Amino acid sequence: MKHKNSLSTAIPMKPLARQPWWVGVAVALAAFVLLEQLAELPSSALAQLAVNVVAVLVPLLCLLAAARSAWRQRMAAMAWQAPMAQDSAMTLPVPSAAAQPDFEDTVPPCPVCNSGMVRRTARGGADDGKAYWRCVNHPGCEGQREVE
């Protein structure tokens, strides 16, 4: 059994909520501008109050419909991606331990703090384009090595 939103059943905003979110925002802006111009026309106090209330409520409901549309699009995108992630995880082969490289042999430890290092490339200066190792804790640690 689906839960019905009382706001969307009381006021016909479902067609607007099924549009892209930006359509709801554009309709809200247009309604606000048009109803503000209508509120400036001379009329009785009761009619003026009614127009002012409608000038606030209609754009607000349009923005709520736009928010609902954005939420529905996000939920649909998440629902679309979740099965794909599960399917791809089930179909991909799990690599064996022997196939993975041993990074302890290839990445040298930092000479200052003994942490790992990251391979970098010098930009500018006399060493422009040369590769070197920099400590992962940089700038806290200034450990650096040349690539061998």
C-alpha atoms as a PDB file:
ATOM      1  CA  MET A   1       0.000   0.000   0.000  1.00  0.00           C
ATOM      2  CA  LYS A   2       1.442   3.332  -1.048  1.00  0.00           C
ATOM      3  CA  HIS A   3       1.419   6.296   1.303  1.00  0.00           C
ATOM      4  CA  LYS A   4      -0.260   9.268  -0.314  1.00  0.00           C
ATOM      5  CA  ASN A   5       1.007  12.732   0.388  1.00  0.00           C
ATOM      6  CA  SER A   6      -1.952  14.784   1.618  1.00  0.00           C
ATOM      7  CA  LEU A   7      -0.493  17.992   0.185  1.00  0.00           C
ATOM      8  CA  SER A   8      -0.166  16.566  -3.311  1.00  0.00           C
ATOM      9  CA  THR A   9      -3.686  15.094  -3.253  1.00  0.00           C
ATOM     10  CA  ALA A  10      -5.301  18.293  -1.942  1.00  0.00           C
ATOM     11  CA  ILE A  11      -3.650  20.540  -4.525  1.00  0.00           C
ATOM     12  CA  PRO A  12      -2.939  19.225  -8.027  1.00  0.00           C
ATOM     13  CA  MET A  13       0.883  19.475  -7.950  1.00  0.00           C
ATOM     14  CA  LYS A  14       1.626  15.897  -9.034  1.00  0.00           C
ATOM     15  CA  PRO A  15       2.151  16.829 -12.700  1.00  0.00           C
ATOM     16  CA  LEU A  16       4.661  19.471 -11.621  1.00  0.00           C
ATOM     17  CA  ALA A  17       6.405  17.042  -9.268  1.00  0.00           C
ATOM     18  CA  ARG A  18       6.892  14.612 -12.171  1.00  0.00           C
ATOM     19  CA  GLN A  19       8.735  17.223 -14.222  1.00  0.00           C
ATOM     20  CA  PRO A  20      12.458  17.947 -13.790  1.00  0.00           C
ATOM     21  CA  TRP A  21      13.149  19.991 -10.661  1.00  0.00           C
ATOM     22  CA  TRP A  22      14.148  23.088 -12.617  1.00  0.00           C
ATOM     23  CA  VAL A  23      10.679  23.242 -14.230  1.00  0.00           C
ATOM     24  CA  GLY A  24       9.130  23.586 -10.757  1.00  0.00           C
ATOM     25  CA  VAL A  25      11.564  26.360  -9.874  1.00  0.00           C
ATOM     26  CA  ALA A  26      10.814  28.196 -13.139  1.00  0.00           C
ATOM     27  CA  VAL A  27       7.043  27.901 -12.573  1.00  0.00           C
ATOM     28  CA  ALA A  28       7.483  29.162  -8.998  1.00  0.00           C
ATOM     29  CA  LEU A  29       9.426  32.193 -10.219  1.00  0.00           C
ATOM     30  CA  ALA A  30       6.891  32.954 -12.956  1.00  0.00           C
ATOM     31  CA  ALA A  31       3.970  32.565 -10.535  1.00  0.00           C
ATOM     32  CA  PHE A  32       5.648  34.847  -8.027  1.00  0.00           C
ATOM     33  CA  VAL A  33       6.258  37.595 -10.600  1.00  0.00           C
ATOM     34  CA  LEU A  34       2.746  37.387 -12.072  1.00  0.00           C
ATOM     35  CA  LEU A  35       0.969  37.278  -8.719  1.00  0.00           C
ATOM     36  CA  GLU A  36       3.021  40.177  -7.372  1.00  0.00           C
ATOM     37  CA  GLN A  37       1.909  42.250 -10.357  1.00  0.00           C
ATOM     38  CA  LEU A  38      -1.681  41.194  -9.690  1.00  0.00           C
ATOM     39  CA  ALA A  39      -1.329  42.214  -6.023  1.00  0.00           C
ATOM     40  CA  GLU A  40      -0.409  45.748  -7.069  1.00  0.00           C
ATOM     41  CA  LEU A  41      -3.765  46.296  -8.785  1.00  0.00           C
ATOM     42  CA  PRO A  42      -6.288  48.339  -6.754  1.00  0.00           C
ATOM     43  CA  SER A  43      -8.933  46.185  -5.018  1.00  0.00           C
ATOM     44  CA  SER A  44     -10.775  45.776  -1.726  1.00  0.00           C
ATOM     45  CA  ALA A  45      -8.897  44.876   1.440  1.00  0.00           C
ATOM     46  CA  LEU A  46     -10.235  41.309   1.496  1.00  0.00           C
ATOM     47  CA  ALA A  47      -9.351  40.715  -2.144  1.00  0.00           C
ATOM     48  CA  GLN A  48      -5.899  42.215  -1.547  1.00  0.00           C
ATOM     49  CA  LEU A  49      -5.339  39.849   1.401  1.00  0.00           C
ATOM     50  CA  ALA A  50      -6.425  36.840  -0.667  1.00  0.00           C
ATOM     51  CA  VAL A  51      -4.109  37.780  -3.539  1.00  0.00           C
ATOM     52  CA  ASN A  52      -1.192  38.277  -1.130  1.00  0.00           C
ATOM     53  CA  VAL A  53      -1.769  34.869   0.452  1.00  0.00           C
ATOM     54  CA  VAL A  54      -2.016  33.190  -2.962  1.00  0.00           C
ATOM     55  CA  ALA A  55       1.097  35.089  -4.126  1.00  0.00           C
ATOM     56  CA  VAL A  56       3.050  33.382  -1.356  1.00  0.00           C
ATOM     57  CA  LEU A  57       1.433  29.936  -1.336  1.00  0.00           C
ATOM     58  CA  VAL A  58       1.512  29.115  -5.049  1.00  0.00           C
ATOM     59  CA  PRO A  59       5.276  29.695  -5.504  1.00  0.00           C
ATOM     60  CA  LEU A  60       5.927  27.859  -2.230  1.00  0.00           C
ATOM     61  CA  LEU A  61       3.932  24.839  -3.410  1.00  0.00           C
ATOM     62  CA  CYS A  62       5.757  24.926  -6.746  1.00  0.00           C
ATOM     63  CA  LEU A  63       9.098  24.900  -4.916  1.00  0.00           C
ATOM     64  CA  LEU A  64       7.912  21.979  -2.771  1.00  0.00           C
ATOM     65  CA  ALA A  65       6.947  20.105  -5.940  1.00  0.00           C
ATOM     66  CA  ALA A  66      10.412  20.866  -7.369  1.00  0.00           C
ATOM     67  CA  ALA A  67      12.031  19.545  -4.193  1.00  0.00           C
ATOM     68  CA  ARG A  68       9.925  16.391  -4.390  1.00  0.00           C
ATOM     69  CA  SER A  69      10.941  15.959  -8.020  1.00  0.00           C
ATOM     70  CA  ALA A  70      14.622  16.352  -7.154  1.00  0.00           C
ATOM     71  CA  TRP A  71      14.249  13.844  -4.318  1.00  0.00           C
ATOM     72  CA  ARG A  72      12.507  11.313  -6.572  1.00  0.00           C
ATOM     73  CA  GLN A  73      15.206  11.701  -9.231  1.00  0.00           C
ATOM     74  CA  ARG A  74      17.930  11.188  -6.634  1.00  0.00           C
ATOM     75  CA  MET A  75      16.246   8.096  -5.202  1.00  0.00           C
ATOM     76  CA  ALA A  76      15.764   6.689  -8.701  1.00  0.00           C
ATOM     77  CA  ALA A  77      19.442   7.265  -9.494  1.00  0.00           C
ATOM     78  CA  MET A  78      20.508   5.592  -6.257  1.00  0.00           C
ATOM     79  CA  ALA A  79      18.205   2.638  -6.928  1.00  0.00           C
ATOM     80  CA  TRP A  80      19.657   2.353 -10.423  1.00  0.00           C
ATOM     81  CA  GLN A  81      23.258   2.368  -9.195  1.00  0.00           C
ATOM     82  CA  ALA A  82      22.842  -0.030  -6.248  1.00  0.00           C
ATOM     83  CA  PRO A  83      21.948  -3.144  -8.305  1.00  0.00           C
ATOM     84  CA  MET A  84      24.709  -2.357 -10.788  1.00  0.00           C
ATOM     85  CA  ALA A  85      27.259  -2.219  -7.970  1.00  0.00           C
ATOM     86  CA  GLN A  86      26.014  -5.510  -6.549  1.00  0.00           C
ATOM     87  CA  ASP A  87      25.993  -7.186  -9.963  1.00  0.00           C
ATOM     88  CA  SER A  88      29.489  -5.995 -10.819  1.00  0.00           C
ATOM     89  CA  ALA A  89      30.809  -7.152  -7.461  1.00  0.00           C
ATOM     90  CA  MET A  90      29.384 -10.604  -8.054  1.00  0.00           C
ATOM     91  CA  THR A  91      30.699 -11.005 -11.602  1.00  0.00           C
ATOM     92  CA  LEU A  92      34.236  -9.691 -11.158  1.00  0.00           C
ATOM     93  CA  PRO A  93      36.824 -12.312 -10.281  1.00  0.00           C
ATOM     94  CA  VAL A  94      38.598 -11.880  -6.978  1.00  0.00           C
ATOM     95  CA  PRO A  95      42.333 -11.446  -7.603  1.00  0.00           C
ATOM     96  CA  SER A  96      44.599 -13.918  -5.879  1.00  0.00           C
ATOM     97  CA  ALA A  97      47.133 -12.795  -3.312  1.00  0.00           C
ATOM     98  CA  ALA A  98      49.996 -13.733  -5.655  1.00  0.00           C
ATOM     99  CA  ALA A  99      48.688 -11.391  -8.385  1.00  0.00           C
ATOM    100  CA  GLN A 100      48.858  -8.297  -6.181  1.00  0.00           C
ATOM    101  CA  PRO A 101      52.187  -6.478  -6.072  1.00  0.00           C
ATOM    102  CA  ASP A 102      54.015  -6.221  -2.770  1.00  0.00           C
ATOM    103  CA  PHE A 103      54.154  -2.484  -2.160  1.00  0.00           C
ATOM    104  CA  GLU A 104      56.544  -2.786   0.759  1.00  0.00           C
ATOM    105  CA  ASP A 105      59.258  -3.738  -1.736  1.00  0.00           C
ATOM    106  CA  THR A 106      58.479  -0.992  -4.264  1.00  0.00           C
ATOM    107  CA  VAL A 107      57.715   2.017  -2.033  1.00  0.00           C
ATOM    108  CA  PRO A 108      60.636   3.063   0.148  1.00  0.00           C
ATOM    109  CA  PRO A 109      60.118   4.164   3.754  1.00  0.00           C
ATOM    110  CA  CYS A 110      60.601   7.795   4.699  1.00  0.00           C
ATOM    111  CA  PRO A 111      64.181   8.410   5.930  1.00  0.00           C
ATOM    112  CA  VAL A 112      62.899  10.833   8.608  1.00  0.00           C
ATOM    113  CA  CYS A 113      59.730   9.265  10.091  1.00  0.00           C
ATOM    114  CA  ASN A 114      59.707   5.759   8.500  1.00  0.00           C
ATOM    115  CA  SER A 115      56.198   6.305   6.999  1.00  0.00           C
ATOM    116  CA  GLY A 116      55.286   5.514   3.418  1.00  0.00           C
ATOM    117  CA  MET A 117      56.270   7.715   0.534  1.00  0.00           C
ATOM    118  CA  VAL A 118      54.537   9.017  -2.598  1.00  0.00           C
ATOM    119  CA  ARG A 119      56.158   9.266  -6.020  1.00  0.00           C
ATOM    120  CA  ARG A 120      56.129  12.867  -7.250  1.00  0.00           C
ATOM    121  CA  THR A 121      57.476  14.789 -10.247  1.00  0.00           C
ATOM    122  CA  ALA A 122      59.342  18.062  -9.846  1.00  0.00           C
ATOM    123  CA  ARG A 123      57.706  21.085 -11.440  1.00  0.00           C
ATOM    124  CA  GLY A 124      60.030  23.873 -12.385  1.00  0.00           C
ATOM    125  CA  GLY A 125      63.585  24.668 -11.388  1.00  0.00           C
ATOM    126  CA  ALA A 126      66.708  22.704 -12.224  1.00  0.00           C
ATOM    127  CA  ASP A 127      65.017  19.340 -11.473  1.00  0.00           C
ATOM    128  CA  ASP A 128      61.964  19.981 -13.675  1.00  0.00           C
ATOM    129  CA  GLY A 129      60.400  16.693 -14.761  1.00  0.00           C
ATOM    130  CA  LYS A 130      62.528  14.472 -12.510  1.00  0.00           C
ATOM    131  CA  ALA A 131      60.758  11.925 -10.317  1.00  0.00           C
ATOM    132  CA  TYR A 132      61.356  11.739  -6.554  1.00  0.00           C
ATOM    133  CA  TRP A 133      59.796  10.213  -3.423  1.00  0.00           C
ATOM    134  CA  ARG A 134      58.086  12.510  -0.887  1.00  0.00           C
ATOM    135  CA  CYS A 135      56.825  11.496   2.580  1.00  0.00           C
ATOM    136  CA  VAL A 136      53.036  11.002   2.872  1.00  0.00           C
ATOM    137  CA  ASN A 137      53.106  13.215   5.981  1.00  0.00           C
ATOM    138  CA  HIS A 138      54.379  16.221   3.993  1.00  0.00           C
ATOM    139  CA  PRO A 139      54.409  19.164   4.936  1.00  0.00           C
ATOM    140  CA  GLY A 140      54.694  17.901   8.551  1.00  0.00           C
ATOM    141  CA  CYS A 141      57.644  15.725   7.555  1.00  0.00           C
ATOM    142  CA  GLU A 142      60.251  16.865   5.036  1.00  0.00           C
ATOM    143  CA  GLY A 143      61.456  13.352   4.162  1.00  0.00           C
ATOM    144  CA  GLN A 144      62.442  12.997   0.490  1.00  0.00           C
ATOM    145  CA  ARG A 145      64.403  10.524  -1.677  1.00  0.00           C
ATOM    146  CA  GLU A 146      65.499  10.243  -5.259  1.00  0.00           C
ATOM    147  CA  VAL A 147      63.872   7.588  -7.420  1.00  0.00           C
ATOM    148  CA  GLU A 148      66.351   4.752  -7.950  1.00  0.00           C
END
